[in-house]
Amino acid sequence: MRALKRMMAMRHYKRSQTVEGVTDTRAIEEVGLSVEQVEEMYRYLAIANYEDRFVIPTSHRELAEDAFPERNGCGFTFGDGCHGSDTKFNLFNSRRIDAIDVSGVRKHGEGE
């Protein structure tokens, strides 16, 4: 409950600061926070800056390799890589399915 009161006090403080143009510290003082603490809380809890909101692809789409042959290639493992394991443990309580070898699959655009 204390955390919710602090968050409400932060919201009240920031609203009075941005909307009303007044710095009203009554609410944050009531819950035992300083202005510096509220500003730091706001920085961590607020919506990210515009440039941090989107993931920018690391390569041009036309230069990226086709990911289709990689599907089902090397998914979730128990630390033993893409090859079969000797363990009988199965996380999903179903029959064991071995990984598919995709090393021999042609890349998109090769040998066409």
Protein backbone atom coordinates (compact mmCIF):
# COMPACT_ATOMS: atom_id res chain seq x y z
CA MET A 1 0.00 0.00 0.00
CA ARG A 2 2.91 2.31 0.79
CA ALA A 3 4.31 1.93 -2.73
CA LEU A 4 0.96 2.86 -4.30
CA LYS A 5 0.73 5.96 -2.11
CA ARG A 6 4.23 6.98 -3.20
CA MET A 7 3.35 6.48 -6.86
CA MET A 8 0.17 8.53 -6.46
CA ALA A 9 2.16 11.27 -4.73
CA MET A 10 4.67 11.23 -7.60
CA ARG A 11 1.83 11.48 -10.12
CA HIS A 12 0.27 14.39 -8.21
CA TYR A 13 3.63 16.19 -8.01
CA LYS A 14 4.44 15.73 -11.72
CA ARG A 15 0.91 16.72 -12.76
CA SER A 16 1.06 19.92 -10.73
CA GLN A 17 4.48 20.61 -12.22
CA THR A 18 3.57 20.04 -15.88
CA VAL A 19 -0.12 20.94 -16.10
CA GLU A 20 -0.52 23.67 -13.52
CA GLY A 21 3.03 25.02 -13.71
CA VAL A 22 3.33 24.94 -9.90
CA THR A 23 5.69 22.83 -7.81
CA ASP A 24 3.41 21.32 -5.16
CA THR A 25 5.48 19.20 -2.76
CA ARG A 26 2.78 18.56 -0.14
CA ALA A 27 1.91 15.09 -1.41
CA ILE A 28 5.50 13.85 -1.69
CA GLU A 29 6.40 15.25 1.72
CA GLU A 30 3.40 13.44 3.19
CA VAL A 31 4.72 10.06 2.00
CA GLY A 32 8.33 10.85 2.95
CA LEU A 33 9.90 11.44 -0.46
CA SER A 34 12.26 14.17 -1.61
CA VAL A 35 12.06 15.98 -4.94
CA GLU A 36 15.22 14.17 -6.09
CA GLN A 37 13.71 10.77 -5.27
CA VAL A 38 10.52 11.63 -7.13
CA GLU A 39 12.43 12.77 -10.21
CA GLU A 40 14.45 9.55 -10.19
CA MET A 41 11.28 7.46 -9.76
CA TYR A 42 9.69 9.32 -12.65
CA ARG A 43 12.72 8.74 -14.84
CA TYR A 44 12.52 4.96 -14.27
CA LEU A 45 8.73 4.63 -14.46
CA ALA A 46 7.82 7.06 -17.25
CA ILE A 47 7.46 6.21 -20.92
CA ALA A 48 10.83 5.89 -22.63
CA ASN A 49 12.27 8.67 -24.75
CA TYR A 50 11.11 8.62 -28.37
CA GLU A 51 14.39 7.23 -29.71
CA ASP A 52 14.31 4.39 -27.14
CA ARG A 53 10.78 3.23 -27.96
CA PHE A 54 11.50 1.39 -31.20
CA VAL A 55 13.93 -1.35 -32.19
CA ILE A 56 15.90 -0.34 -35.25
CA PRO A 57 16.93 -3.31 -37.44
CA THR A 58 20.69 -3.83 -37.46
CA SER A 59 20.88 -4.58 -41.18
CA HIS A 60 19.10 -3.64 -44.36
CA ARG A 61 16.19 -5.95 -45.12
CA GLU A 62 17.43 -6.62 -48.65
CA LEU A 63 20.83 -7.76 -47.31
CA ALA A 64 19.45 -9.98 -44.53
CA GLU A 65 19.52 -13.73 -45.02
CA ASP A 66 16.31 -15.68 -45.35
CA ALA A 67 15.37 -17.00 -41.90
CA PHE A 68 12.82 -19.54 -43.20
CA PRO A 69 15.27 -22.49 -43.36
CA GLU A 70 16.32 -21.78 -39.77
CA ARG A 71 12.88 -22.50 -38.32
CA ASN A 72 12.83 -25.45 -35.92
CA GLY A 73 16.61 -25.69 -36.33
CA CYS A 74 17.97 -25.09 -32.87
CA GLY A 75 15.29 -24.09 -30.46
CA PHE A 76 15.01 -24.58 -26.74
CA THR A 77 17.68 -26.92 -25.36
CA PHE A 78 18.95 -27.94 -21.96
CA GLY A 79 22.46 -26.64 -22.57
CA ASP A 80 23.53 -29.45 -24.89
CA GLY A 81 23.36 -27.45 -28.12
CA CYS A 82 21.53 -28.53 -31.27
CA HIS A 83 22.38 -32.21 -31.07
CA GLY A 84 20.44 -34.93 -29.30
CA SER A 85 20.82 -35.43 -25.60
CA ASP A 86 21.12 -38.53 -23.43
CA THR A 87 18.73 -37.10 -20.89
CA LYS A 88 15.26 -38.57 -20.54
CA PHE A 89 13.94 -35.35 -19.02
CA ASN A 90 11.19 -33.70 -21.04
CA LEU A 91 9.90 -30.32 -19.96
CA PHE A 92 6.69 -30.55 -21.99
CA ASN A 93 5.57 -34.09 -20.98
CA SER A 94 5.39 -35.37 -24.55
CA ARG A 95 7.43 -37.69 -26.73
CA ARG A 96 10.89 -36.47 -27.54
CA ILE A 97 11.46 -34.71 -30.87
CA ASP A 98 15.05 -34.30 -32.06
CA ALA A 99 16.27 -31.07 -33.64
CA ILE A 100 16.34 -30.74 -37.42
CA ASP A 101 19.73 -30.26 -39.08
CA VAL A 102 19.59 -27.16 -41.30
CA SER A 103 23.30 -26.94 -42.12
CA GLY A 104 22.76 -28.43 -45.60
CA VAL A 105 19.89 -26.13 -46.53
CA ARG A 106 20.66 -23.65 -49.32
CA LYS A 107 20.59 -19.95 -48.55
CA HIS A 108 18.02 -17.84 -50.36
CA GLY A 109 19.30 -17.03 -53.84
CA GLU A 110 22.03 -19.71 -53.95
CA GLY A 111 22.06 -22.13 -56.87
CA GLU A 112 18.83 -20.93 -58.46
